[in-house]
Amino acid sequence: MRHKTFKLSLQKISLVLLTFLSAPLYFSRLLFPEKCFGVMDDGRLDTTVEEVDNHLPSSSSQGVYELNDVEEDEWEMVAKKGNQFVINGQPFYVNGFNTYWLMVFAADQSTRGKVTEVFQQASSVGLTVCRTWAFNDGQWRALQKSPGVYDEDVFKVSVTVAYEAKKYKIRLILSLTNNWDAYGGKAQYVKWGKATGLNLTSDDDFFSHPTLRSYYKAHAVLNRVNTLTNITYKDDPTIFAWELMNEPRCTSDSSGDKLQVCCSSTLGFCINPIQDILIADMAVYVKSMDAKHLLEIGLEGFYGPSAPDRTQFNPNSYATQVGTDFIRNHQVLGVDFASVHIYADSWISQTISDSHIEFIKSWMEAHIEDAERYLGMPVVFAEFGVSSKDPGYNSSFRDTMINMVYKTLLNSTKRGGSGAGSLLWQLFPAGTDYMDDGYAIVLSNSPSTSNIISLHSTRVAIFNSMCSWKCKWGCKKKNPLEAIFYHDDL
């Protein structure tokens, strides 16, 4: 394997070559650093994607486009400035993926190798962030056997996930529990509460009952030490962010108060003396334990009663009744960035149609606009995909859908907007078909999809390497590199 310093030098040389070969006018930035990077509004060079790719670092087992690769001792936390993510003052736009079952696979010797495989394959197409579960409550191979009681053997092997992720320069978004029954979630917390004699009538009691919230707080992943790296999770830069819950919904209270509003000694003020909290209480609690890492909620992005004029962008009328509220929820103290999911085939119609693509574009643009106008924070489209089980599905449609997501994000990126990245649902290595929910992408079986992901990784990596946050990407200087970012001949 090449020495890291040599590898880094090669990458710098590649960037210089890229500048001369595909963007000679851009060289002025090297001479006049005060002139920041911007994308031109008109005019393009005849620079093909293939020509650009020829002047990027070649693929390796450590990642295909590590243009912003750093020395081991410079592996630092991701932070937030305004509506963008940054590392050491440089932008960090996200191109990533979901693989939820990593911890469960790591807990079994027979499947542990698949954890390495998925990181290796993700790295080969330039993916830099993985979202996965940091919970498995009271189920098969459970991490948490009862509130605050853990299977130490599972904990010991689960550290493999963070170790392997760092090896391939992939950061992790770790979700702390589930709205759904899979892997325990809020339903398991309610079962534990009932077993102690609590009078609970709904799984939504998880959001309001103080005992159940105390169970959640006892899920002490943040203070555990990774025995492979000797780093406490709350100090580990491999972790991009914590997620409070996967897709929280509280259908018993469509007003959204039960999920959001509070009278909490933790916050020190009272908004509504009747209702208890989850989001506000838990966000402040997690931040009190770990102020270094970013935090997000895990919402799907449905608009609620606080913004009736925005509910027109919801996929259906039911979305306003699930007890969540995109704008209101994300205004809570301690939340660093917004999350949105995209499932046109689940929310609009299972049958594939062009209306899905139209919805995706409007859904994304609305949330990017609101993240800029009302929230002042980045927004990550943390799950998006389409099921191969849908009537009318074909891989060409999936590629079109992925292209639309990426194109919409790039339109935000070129003007310094809040569109901070996306995470495919979901990436699988070969041989894990039995876990497939219909949304799995196996890169080795999907060359066209793999090419699209690689190209977007290239574009994102160039932005991350050549921009400085203080430039805000909005200087409107003409730049021939637009041909790289917006060439659609795939």
Protein backbone atom coordinates (compact mmCIF):
# COMPACT_ATOMS: atom_id res chain seq x y z
CA MET A 1 0.00 0.00 0.00
CA ARG A 2 1.28 3.47 -0.82
CA HIS A 3 2.37 5.69 2.03
CA LYS A 4 -0.32 8.16 3.09
CA THR A 5 1.85 11.22 2.46
CA PHE A 6 2.66 10.06 -1.07
CA LYS A 7 -1.02 9.36 -1.67
CA LEU A 8 -1.98 12.83 -0.50
CA SER A 9 0.65 14.39 -2.74
CA LEU A 10 -0.65 12.43 -5.71
CA GLN A 11 -4.12 13.76 -5.04
CA LYS A 12 -2.84 17.34 -4.97
CA ILE A 13 -1.03 16.77 -8.25
CA SER A 14 -4.26 15.33 -9.68
CA LEU A 15 -6.12 18.48 -8.70
CA VAL A 16 -3.51 20.64 -10.42
CA LEU A 17 -3.79 18.51 -13.54
CA LEU A 18 -7.56 18.77 -13.36
CA THR A 19 -7.27 22.53 -13.13
CA PHE A 20 -4.99 22.82 -16.16
CA LEU A 21 -6.67 20.21 -18.32
CA SER A 22 -10.32 20.98 -17.76
CA ALA A 23 -10.38 24.47 -16.31
CA PRO A 24 -7.48 26.72 -17.26
CA LEU A 25 -9.32 29.87 -16.24
CA TYR A 26 -9.70 28.44 -12.76
CA PHE A 27 -5.95 28.71 -12.15
CA SER A 28 -6.45 32.36 -11.28
CA ARG A 29 -7.85 31.22 -7.95
CA LEU A 30 -4.45 29.78 -7.04
CA LEU A 31 -2.87 33.17 -7.72
CA PHE A 32 -5.70 35.18 -6.17
CA PRO A 33 -6.98 33.12 -3.22
CA GLU A 34 -9.30 35.89 -2.12
CA LYS A 35 -11.44 35.12 -5.15
CA CYS A 36 -13.58 32.25 -4.06
CA PHE A 37 -14.90 29.33 -6.03
CA GLY A 38 -18.17 29.81 -7.84
CA VAL A 39 -20.03 28.11 -10.69
CA MET A 40 -20.76 30.08 -13.81
CA ASP A 41 -24.28 30.97 -14.76
CA ASP A 42 -23.78 30.52 -18.50
CA GLY A 43 -21.35 29.00 -20.96
CA ARG A 44 -19.76 25.56 -20.76
CA LEU A 45 -16.59 23.90 -21.99
CA ASP A 46 -16.64 20.71 -24.00
CA THR A 47 -15.21 18.72 -21.11
CA THR A 48 -16.64 15.25 -20.83
CA VAL A 49 -17.11 13.33 -17.63
CA GLU A 50 -14.72 10.69 -18.94
CA GLU A 51 -11.96 13.29 -19.43
CA VAL A 52 -12.46 14.54 -15.90
CA ASP A 53 -12.39 11.02 -14.46
CA ASN A 54 -9.11 10.32 -16.25
CA HIS A 55 -7.44 13.01 -14.19
CA LEU A 56 -8.77 11.96 -10.79
CA PRO A 57 -6.99 9.55 -8.43
CA SER A 58 -7.50 5.95 -9.47
CA SER A 59 -9.63 3.64 -7.35
CA SER A 60 -8.15 1.69 -4.48
CA SER A 61 -9.36 -0.38 -1.60
CA GLN A 62 -9.34 2.81 0.46
CA GLY A 63 -11.75 4.77 -1.69
CA VAL A 64 -12.07 5.96 -5.23
CA TYR A 65 -12.26 9.73 -4.85
CA GLU A 66 -10.45 10.76 -1.70
CA LEU A 67 -9.70 14.28 -2.90
CA ASN A 68 -10.08 15.62 0.62
CA ASP A 69 -8.22 12.76 2.28
CA VAL A 70 -6.25 13.73 5.36
CA GLU A 71 -3.58 12.32 7.59
CA GLU A 72 -4.76 10.06 10.40
CA ASP A 73 -4.17 12.73 13.03
CA GLU A 74 -6.33 15.19 11.07
CA TRP A 75 -9.44 12.99 11.12
CA GLU A 76 -11.58 15.63 12.82
CA MET A 77 -15.20 16.14 13.78
CA VAL A 78 -17.72 17.36 11.25
CA ALA A 79 -19.11 20.72 12.35
CA LYS A 80 -21.78 23.09 11.10
CA LYS A 81 -21.46 26.71 10.01
CA GLY A 82 -24.69 28.31 8.96
CA ASN A 83 -26.43 26.03 6.50
CA GLN A 84 -23.40 23.91 5.54
CA PHE A 85 -21.28 21.17 7.10
CA VAL A 86 -17.56 21.84 7.44
CA ILE A 87 -14.36 20.03 8.42
CA ASN A 88 -11.43 22.30 9.25
CA GLY A 89 -13.18 25.19 7.51
CA GLN A 90 -13.65 23.21 4.31
CA PRO A 91 -17.15 22.26 3.14
CA PHE A 92 -18.33 18.73 3.62
CA TYR A 93 -21.18 17.80 1.30
CA VAL A 94 -22.53 14.32 1.93
CA ASN A 95 -22.89 11.51 -0.56
CA GLY A 96 -23.76 8.47 1.48
CA PHE A 97 -25.90 5.44 2.09
CA ASN A 98 -27.90 3.45 4.62
CA THR A 99 -27.13 -0.07 5.78
CA TYR A 100 -29.16 -0.49 8.94
CA TRP A 101 -28.10 -4.01 9.99
CA LEU A 102 -24.36 -3.49 10.45
CA MET A 103 -24.32 -3.99 14.22
CA VAL A 104 -26.36 -7.20 14.03
CA PHE A 105 -24.06 -8.60 11.35
CA ALA A 106 -20.99 -7.60 13.34
CA ALA A 107 -22.33 -9.58 16.31
CA ASP A 108 -22.12 -12.87 14.40
CA GLN A 109 -18.78 -14.26 13.27
CA SER A 110 -20.38 -15.83 10.20
CA THR A 111 -21.65 -12.47 8.88
CA ARG A 112 -19.04 -10.05 10.25
CA GLY A 113 -17.14 -10.00 6.97
CA LYS A 114 -20.14 -8.40 5.27
CA VAL A 115 -19.58 -5.28 7.37
CA THR A 116 -16.14 -4.87 5.82
CA GLU A 117 -17.51 -5.66 2.36
CA VAL A 118 -20.18 -2.98 2.40
CA PHE A 119 -17.74 -0.29 3.57
CA GLN A 120 -15.18 -1.37 0.98
CA GLN A 121 -17.74 -1.26 -1.82
CA ALA A 122 -19.20 2.06 -0.67
CA SER A 123 -15.72 3.55 -0.54
CA SER A 124 -14.98 2.30 -4.07
CA VAL A 125 -17.70 4.62 -5.43
CA GLY A 126 -16.76 7.53 -3.19
CA LEU A 127 -19.50 7.32 -0.55
CA THR A 128 -18.43 9.03 2.67
CA VAL A 129 -21.28 8.68 5.20
CA CYS A 130 -23.27 5.66 6.39
CA ARG A 131 -26.42 5.78 8.47
CA THR A 132 -27.05 2.71 10.61
CA TRP A 133 -28.76 1.53 13.79
CA ALA A 134 -27.02 1.89 17.17
CA PHE A 135 -29.80 -0.06 18.85
CA ASN A 136 -31.28 -3.52 19.02
CA ASP A 137 -33.68 -3.64 21.94
CA GLY A 138 -34.92 -6.90 23.43
CA GLN A 139 -34.78 -8.79 20.15
CA TRP A 140 -32.63 -11.42 18.45
CA ARG A 141 -28.96 -10.65 19.12
CA ALA A 142 -30.16 -7.80 21.31
CA LEU A 143 -27.71 -5.13 22.35
CA GLN A 144 -30.01 -3.85 25.10
CA LYS A 145 -31.64 -6.81 26.84
CA SER A 146 -33.62 -4.65 29.27
CA PRO A 147 -33.48 -0.93 30.12
CA GLY A 148 -29.84 -0.05 30.66
CA VAL A 149 -28.75 -3.71 30.67
CA TYR A 150 -26.55 -4.75 27.76
CA ASP A 151 -25.16 -7.90 26.26
CA GLU A 152 -21.49 -7.10 26.68
CA ASP A 153 -20.48 -9.68 24.09
CA VAL A 154 -22.59 -7.85 21.49
CA PHE A 155 -21.14 -4.52 22.58
CA LYS A 156 -17.59 -5.82 22.21
CA VAL A 157 -18.08 -6.96 18.63
CA SER A 158 -20.28 -4.02 17.61
CA VAL A 159 -17.22 -1.77 17.82
CA THR A 160 -16.16 -3.42 14.56
CA VAL A 161 -18.61 -1.15 12.74
CA ALA A 162 -16.91 2.12 13.73
CA TYR A 163 -13.46 0.60 13.30
CA GLU A 164 -14.15 -0.61 9.75
CA ALA A 165 -15.92 2.63 8.84
CA LYS A 166 -12.89 4.72 9.79
CA LYS A 167 -10.57 2.38 7.88
CA TYR A 168 -12.47 3.26 4.70
CA LYS A 169 -12.86 6.95 5.60
CA ILE A 170 -16.62 6.63 6.08
CA ARG A 171 -18.39 8.52 8.83
CA LEU A 172 -21.46 7.24 10.68
CA ILE A 173 -24.87 8.64 11.52
CA LEU A 174 -26.03 6.50 14.45
CA SER A 175 -29.74 6.23 15.18
CA LEU A 176 -30.61 5.60 18.85
CA THR A 177 -34.02 3.92 18.52
CA ASN A 178 -36.87 3.17 16.13
CA ASN A 179 -40.42 4.35 15.69
CA TRP A 180 -41.19 0.96 14.17
CA ASP A 181 -41.18 -2.46 15.80
CA ALA A 182 -38.10 -3.71 13.95
CA TYR A 183 -35.16 -4.12 16.33
CA GLY A 184 -37.33 -3.17 19.30
CA GLY A 185 -38.03 0.52 19.03
CA LYS A 186 -40.65 2.40 21.00
CA ALA A 187 -42.87 -0.68 21.18
CA GLN A 188 -40.17 -2.53 23.15
CA TYR A 189 -39.82 0.36 25.59
CA VAL A 190 -43.58 0.21 26.18
CA LYS A 191 -43.37 -3.57 26.77
CA TRP A 192 -40.64 -3.02 29.34
CA GLY A 193 -42.79 -0.39 31.02
CA LYS A 194 -45.88 -2.62 31.14
CA ALA A 195 -43.78 -5.42 32.64
CA THR A 196 -43.08 -3.16 35.64
CA GLY A 197 -46.78 -2.39 36.10
CA LEU A 198 -47.03 0.95 34.32
CA ASN A 199 -50.49 1.80 32.98
CA LEU A 200 -49.69 2.29 29.31
CA THR A 201 -52.33 2.24 26.57
CA SER A 202 -50.39 3.07 23.40
CA ASP A 203 -46.92 2.78 21.93
CA ASP A 204 -47.09 6.57 21.67
CA ASP A 205 -46.83 6.71 25.47
CA PHE A 206 -43.12 6.39 24.76
CA PHE A 207 -43.14 10.08 23.85
CA SER A 208 -44.75 11.33 27.05
CA HIS A 209 -44.27 8.90 29.96
CA PRO A 210 -41.34 9.98 32.15
CA THR A 211 -40.34 6.41 33.00
CA LEU A 212 -40.09 5.42 29.35
CA ARG A 213 -38.09 8.55 28.61
CA SER A 214 -35.74 7.61 31.43
CA TYR A 215 -35.28 4.21 29.75
CA TYR A 216 -34.33 5.99 26.56
CA LYS A 217 -31.83 8.19 28.38
CA ALA A 218 -30.27 5.10 29.94
CA HIS A 219 -29.31 3.84 26.49
CA ALA A 220 -25.72 4.85 27.18
CA VAL A 221 -24.04 4.30 23.82
CA LEU A 222 -22.44 7.75 23.84
CA ASN A 223 -20.28 7.02 26.89
CA ARG A 224 -19.04 3.62 25.76
CA VAL A 225 -15.43 3.11 24.73
CA ASN A 226 -14.57 1.48 21.42
CA THR A 227 -12.21 -1.26 22.57
CA LEU A 228 -10.51 -1.42 19.17
CA THR A 229 -9.61 2.27 19.10
CA ASN A 230 -9.79 3.15 22.83
CA ILE A 231 -11.88 6.17 21.90
CA THR A 232 -15.17 6.97 23.62
CA TYR A 233 -17.96 7.22 21.07
CA LYS A 234 -18.76 10.80 22.08
CA ASP A 235 -15.14 11.72 21.23
CA ASP A 236 -14.87 9.75 17.99
CA PRO A 237 -14.72 11.82 14.76
CA THR A 238 -15.85 8.72 12.85
CA ILE A 239 -19.33 9.52 14.13
CA PHE A 240 -20.87 12.21 11.94
CA ALA A 241 -24.01 12.65 14.02
CA TRP A 242 -26.46 11.11 16.45
CA GLU A 243 -30.07 10.59 15.42
CA LEU A 244 -32.75 10.68 18.11
CA MET A 245 -35.07 8.18 16.43
CA ASN A 246 -35.73 6.61 13.06
CA GLU A 247 -38.87 8.18 11.56
CA PRO A 248 -40.69 9.30 14.73
CA ARG A 249 -44.45 9.50 14.40
CA CYS A 250 -47.10 10.13 17.04
CA THR A 251 -50.41 9.34 15.35
CA SER A 252 -52.32 9.63 18.64
CA ASP A 253 -51.79 13.40 18.55
CA SER A 254 -51.96 14.93 15.08
CA SER A 255 -51.38 18.41 16.55
CA GLY A 256 -47.75 17.46 17.07
CA ASP A 257 -47.72 18.72 20.67
CA LYS A 258 -47.00 15.35 22.22
CA LEU A 259 -43.90 14.86 20.15
CA GLN A 260 -42.66 18.42 20.44
CA VAL A 261 -44.00 20.74 23.10
CA CYS A 262 -42.86 20.62 26.69
CA CYS A 263 -42.83 21.58 30.29
CA SER A 264 -39.32 20.44 31.10
CA SER A 265 -36.89 21.18 33.86
CA THR A 266 -34.19 20.15 31.39
CA LEU A 267 -34.94 23.12 29.17
CA GLY A 268 -35.67 25.49 32.05
CA PHE A 269 -38.83 26.99 30.58
CA CYS A 270 -42.40 25.93 29.93
CA ILE A 271 -44.13 26.25 26.59
CA ASN A 272 -47.18 24.16 27.37
CA PRO A 273 -47.80 22.90 30.93
CA ILE A 274 -50.09 20.13 29.75
CA GLN A 275 -47.89 18.26 27.34
CA ASP A 276 -44.62 16.44 27.91
CA ILE A 277 -41.85 16.15 25.34
CA LEU A 278 -39.62 13.90 23.41
CA ILE A 279 -37.75 15.93 20.84
CA ALA A 280 -36.93 18.98 22.97
CA ASP A 281 -36.09 16.98 26.10
CA MET A 282 -34.01 14.37 24.33
CA ALA A 283 -32.17 16.81 22.09
CA VAL A 284 -30.98 18.83 25.07
CA TYR A 285 -30.18 15.66 27.02
CA VAL A 286 -28.03 14.17 24.25
CA LYS A 287 -26.26 17.50 23.75
CA SER A 288 -25.56 17.69 27.48
CA MET A 289 -23.72 14.36 27.18
CA ASP A 290 -22.02 15.09 23.87
CA ALA A 291 -21.69 18.68 22.72
CA LYS A 292 -19.08 17.81 20.09
CA HIS A 293 -21.15 15.81 17.64
CA LEU A 294 -23.98 16.98 15.45
CA LEU A 295 -27.53 15.94 16.25
CA GLU A 296 -30.61 15.36 14.11
CA ILE A 297 -34.09 14.05 14.83
CA GLY A 298 -34.66 11.41 12.14
CA LEU A 299 -37.87 12.87 10.69
CA GLU A 300 -39.40 12.00 7.34
CA GLY A 301 -40.09 15.65 6.58
CA PHE A 302 -43.90 15.90 6.66
CA TYR A 303 -45.31 19.38 7.08
CA GLY A 304 -47.69 19.95 9.97
CA PRO A 305 -50.07 22.50 11.52
CA SER A 306 -47.39 25.15 12.10
CA ALA A 307 -47.04 25.72 8.34
CA PRO A 308 -50.43 25.11 6.67
CA ASP A 309 -49.26 26.75 3.44
CA ARG A 310 -46.51 24.12 3.11
CA THR A 311 -48.74 21.07 3.52
CA GLN A 312 -49.41 21.30 -0.23
CA PHE A 313 -45.99 19.65 -0.66
CA ASN A 314 -46.93 16.64 1.45
CA PRO A 315 -47.39 13.45 -0.57
CA ASN A 316 -50.91 12.86 0.79
CA SER A 317 -53.41 14.14 3.36
CA TYR A 318 -52.46 11.47 5.89
CA ALA A 319 -48.99 12.98 6.20
CA THR A 320 -50.47 15.90 8.17
CA GLN A 321 -51.96 13.50 10.73
CA VAL A 322 -48.89 11.59 11.93
CA GLY A 323 -47.96 14.07 14.66
CA THR A 324 -44.79 15.49 13.10
CA ASP A 325 -44.07 18.98 11.81
CA PHE A 326 -40.93 19.55 9.74
CA ILE A 327 -40.37 23.24 10.47
CA ARG A 328 -41.53 23.32 14.08
CA ASN A 329 -39.70 20.15 15.09
CA HIS A 330 -36.39 21.35 13.67
CA GLN A 331 -36.54 24.67 15.54
CA VAL A 332 -35.82 22.84 18.79
CA LEU A 333 -32.71 23.82 20.73
CA GLY A 334 -29.87 21.36 20.16
CA VAL A 335 -30.88 20.12 16.70
CA ASP A 336 -28.11 20.86 14.21
CA PHE A 337 -29.50 19.76 10.87
CA ALA A 338 -32.74 18.66 9.29
CA SER A 339 -33.57 15.24 7.90
CA VAL A 340 -36.00 14.30 5.16
CA HIS A 341 -36.90 10.94 3.64
CA ILE A 342 -38.15 10.32 0.09
CA TYR A 343 -40.45 7.39 -0.73
CA ALA A 344 -42.73 8.36 -3.59
CA ASP A 345 -43.63 4.71 -4.18
CA SER A 346 -44.87 4.32 -0.59
CA TRP A 347 -46.52 7.69 -0.18
CA ILE A 348 -48.08 8.48 -3.57
CA SER A 349 -48.59 5.31 -5.57
CA GLN A 350 -46.83 1.98 -5.56
CA THR A 351 -47.05 1.83 -9.34
CA ILE A 352 -44.06 3.51 -10.95
CA SER A 353 -44.88 6.70 -12.87
CA ASP A 354 -43.39 10.03 -13.92
CA SER A 355 -45.36 11.67 -11.12
CA HIS A 356 -42.86 10.14 -8.69
CA ILE A 357 -40.02 12.11 -10.26
CA GLU A 358 -42.06 15.31 -10.24
CA PHE A 359 -42.88 14.80 -6.56
CA ILE A 360 -39.24 14.16 -5.63
CA LYS A 361 -38.13 17.43 -7.22
CA SER A 362 -40.81 19.58 -5.57
CA TRP A 363 -40.44 17.77 -2.19
CA MET A 364 -36.68 18.38 -2.13
CA GLU A 365 -36.84 21.98 -3.32
CA ALA A 366 -39.47 22.85 -0.71
CA HIS A 367 -37.38 21.45 2.15
CA ILE A 368 -34.16 23.07 0.93
CA GLU A 369 -35.98 26.40 0.75
CA ASP A 370 -37.44 26.01 4.25
CA ALA A 371 -34.11 24.93 5.71
CA GLU A 372 -32.67 28.19 4.37
CA ARG A 373 -35.57 30.50 5.12
CA TYR A 374 -36.84 29.27 8.49
CA LEU A 375 -34.22 26.97 9.99
CA GLY A 376 -30.83 28.29 8.90
CA MET A 377 -29.38 24.79 8.88
CA PRO A 378 -28.32 22.06 6.46
CA VAL A 379 -30.84 19.47 5.32
CA VAL A 380 -29.87 15.89 4.53
CA PHE A 381 -32.16 13.64 2.50
CA ALA A 382 -31.35 10.76 4.79
CA GLU A 383 -33.31 8.02 3.03
CA PHE A 384 -34.34 7.79 -0.59
CA GLY A 385 -35.02 4.85 -2.84
CA VAL A 386 -37.47 2.84 -4.87
CA SER A 387 -38.50 -0.78 -4.43
CA SER A 388 -37.81 -3.39 -7.09
CA LYS A 389 -41.10 -4.97 -5.99
CA ASP A 390 -43.15 -2.02 -7.27
CA PRO A 391 -45.36 -2.59 -10.32
CA GLY A 392 -43.63 -1.15 -13.36
CA TYR A 393 -40.20 -1.02 -11.70
CA ASN A 394 -37.03 -1.22 -13.75
CA SER A 395 -33.43 -0.26 -13.05
CA SER A 396 -33.65 2.60 -15.55
CA PHE A 397 -36.32 4.27 -13.44
CA ARG A 398 -34.18 3.86 -10.34
CA ASP A 399 -31.29 5.54 -12.13
CA THR A 400 -33.57 8.39 -13.21
CA MET A 401 -34.76 8.80 -9.62
CA ILE A 402 -31.22 8.85 -8.21
CA ASN A 403 -30.16 11.35 -10.89
CA MET A 404 -33.01 13.65 -9.92
CA VAL A 405 -31.98 13.61 -6.27
CA TYR A 406 -28.37 14.32 -7.12
CA LYS A 407 -29.19 17.04 -9.66
CA THR A 408 -31.47 18.84 -7.19
CA LEU A 409 -28.74 18.78 -4.57
CA LEU A 410 -26.14 20.11 -7.00
CA ASN A 411 -28.44 22.98 -7.90
CA SER A 412 -28.42 23.88 -4.22
CA THR A 413 -24.68 23.31 -3.83
CA LYS A 414 -23.67 25.64 -6.64
CA ARG A 415 -25.38 28.58 -4.89
CA GLY A 416 -24.35 27.67 -1.32
CA GLY A 417 -27.83 26.47 -0.37
CA SER A 418 -28.94 24.20 2.47
CA GLY A 419 -29.06 21.00 0.41
CA ALA A 420 -26.21 19.26 2.23
CA GLY A 421 -26.40 15.73 0.89
CA SER A 422 -28.26 12.47 0.58
CA LEU A 423 -28.13 8.85 1.74
CA LEU A 424 -29.31 6.03 -0.50
CA TRP A 425 -31.65 3.45 0.98
CA GLN A 426 -29.88 1.11 0.91
CA LEU A 427 -26.52 -0.45 0.01
CA PHE A 428 -26.01 -4.22 0.28
CA PRO A 429 -23.03 -6.44 -0.45
CA ALA A 430 -23.59 -9.57 -2.55
CA GLY A 431 -24.92 -12.55 -0.63
CA THR A 432 -27.31 -10.64 1.63
CA ASP A 433 -30.42 -10.97 -0.53
CA TYR A 434 -32.38 -12.50 2.33
CA MET A 435 -32.28 -9.09 4.08
CA ASP A 436 -33.50 -7.20 1.00
CA ASP A 437 -36.70 -5.19 1.51
CA GLY A 438 -36.84 -4.47 -2.21
CA TYR A 439 -34.74 -1.31 -1.96
CA ALA A 440 -31.30 -2.93 -1.84
CA ILE A 441 -28.62 -1.76 -4.26
CA VAL A 442 -25.86 -4.29 -4.91
CA LEU A 443 -23.21 -2.31 -6.75
CA SER A 444 -21.62 -5.32 -8.43
CA ASN A 445 -25.00 -6.14 -9.99
CA SER A 446 -25.84 -2.56 -10.95
CA PRO A 447 -23.12 -1.02 -13.16
CA SER A 448 -25.23 1.90 -14.39
CA THR A 449 -26.30 2.85 -10.86
CA SER A 450 -22.72 2.45 -9.65
CA ASN A 451 -21.53 4.86 -12.36
CA ILE A 452 -24.11 7.47 -11.37
CA ILE A 453 -23.07 7.26 -7.72
CA SER A 454 -19.38 7.49 -8.64
CA LEU A 455 -19.92 10.54 -10.81
CA HIS A 456 -21.83 12.34 -8.08
CA SER A 457 -19.11 11.43 -5.58
CA THR A 458 -16.58 13.01 -7.93
CA ARG A 459 -18.55 16.22 -8.18
CA VAL A 460 -19.08 16.40 -4.43
CA ALA A 461 -15.42 15.62 -3.72
CA ILE A 462 -14.28 18.44 -6.00
CA PHE A 463 -16.56 20.91 -4.25
CA ASN A 464 -15.34 19.70 -0.86
CA SER A 465 -11.69 20.04 -1.89
CA MET A 466 -11.73 23.35 -3.72
CA CYS A 467 -14.15 25.47 -1.71
CA SER A 468 -13.68 27.39 1.49
CA TRP A 469 -16.68 27.94 3.74
CA LYS A 470 -16.14 31.68 3.91
CA CYS A 471 -16.67 31.88 0.16
CA LYS A 472 -20.26 30.70 0.57
CA TRP A 473 -20.09 29.36 -2.99
CA GLY A 474 -22.05 32.34 -4.20
CA CYS A 475 -19.52 34.66 -5.78
CA LYS A 476 -21.00 34.01 -9.26
CA LYS A 477 -17.58 33.96 -10.93
CA LYS A 478 -17.56 32.22 -14.28
CA ASN A 479 -15.93 28.84 -13.95
CA PRO A 480 -15.38 26.11 -16.55
CA LEU A 481 -15.77 23.42 -13.89
CA GLU A 482 -19.52 23.66 -14.32
CA ALA A 483 -19.04 21.23 -17.18
CA ILE A 484 -17.89 18.69 -14.64
CA PHE A 485 -20.76 19.21 -12.24
CA TYR A 486 -23.60 19.36 -14.74
CA HIS A 487 -22.56 17.15 -17.62
CA ASP A 488 -25.43 14.65 -17.85
CA ASP A 489 -24.04 12.28 -20.48
CA LEU A 490 -23.76 9.17 -18.31
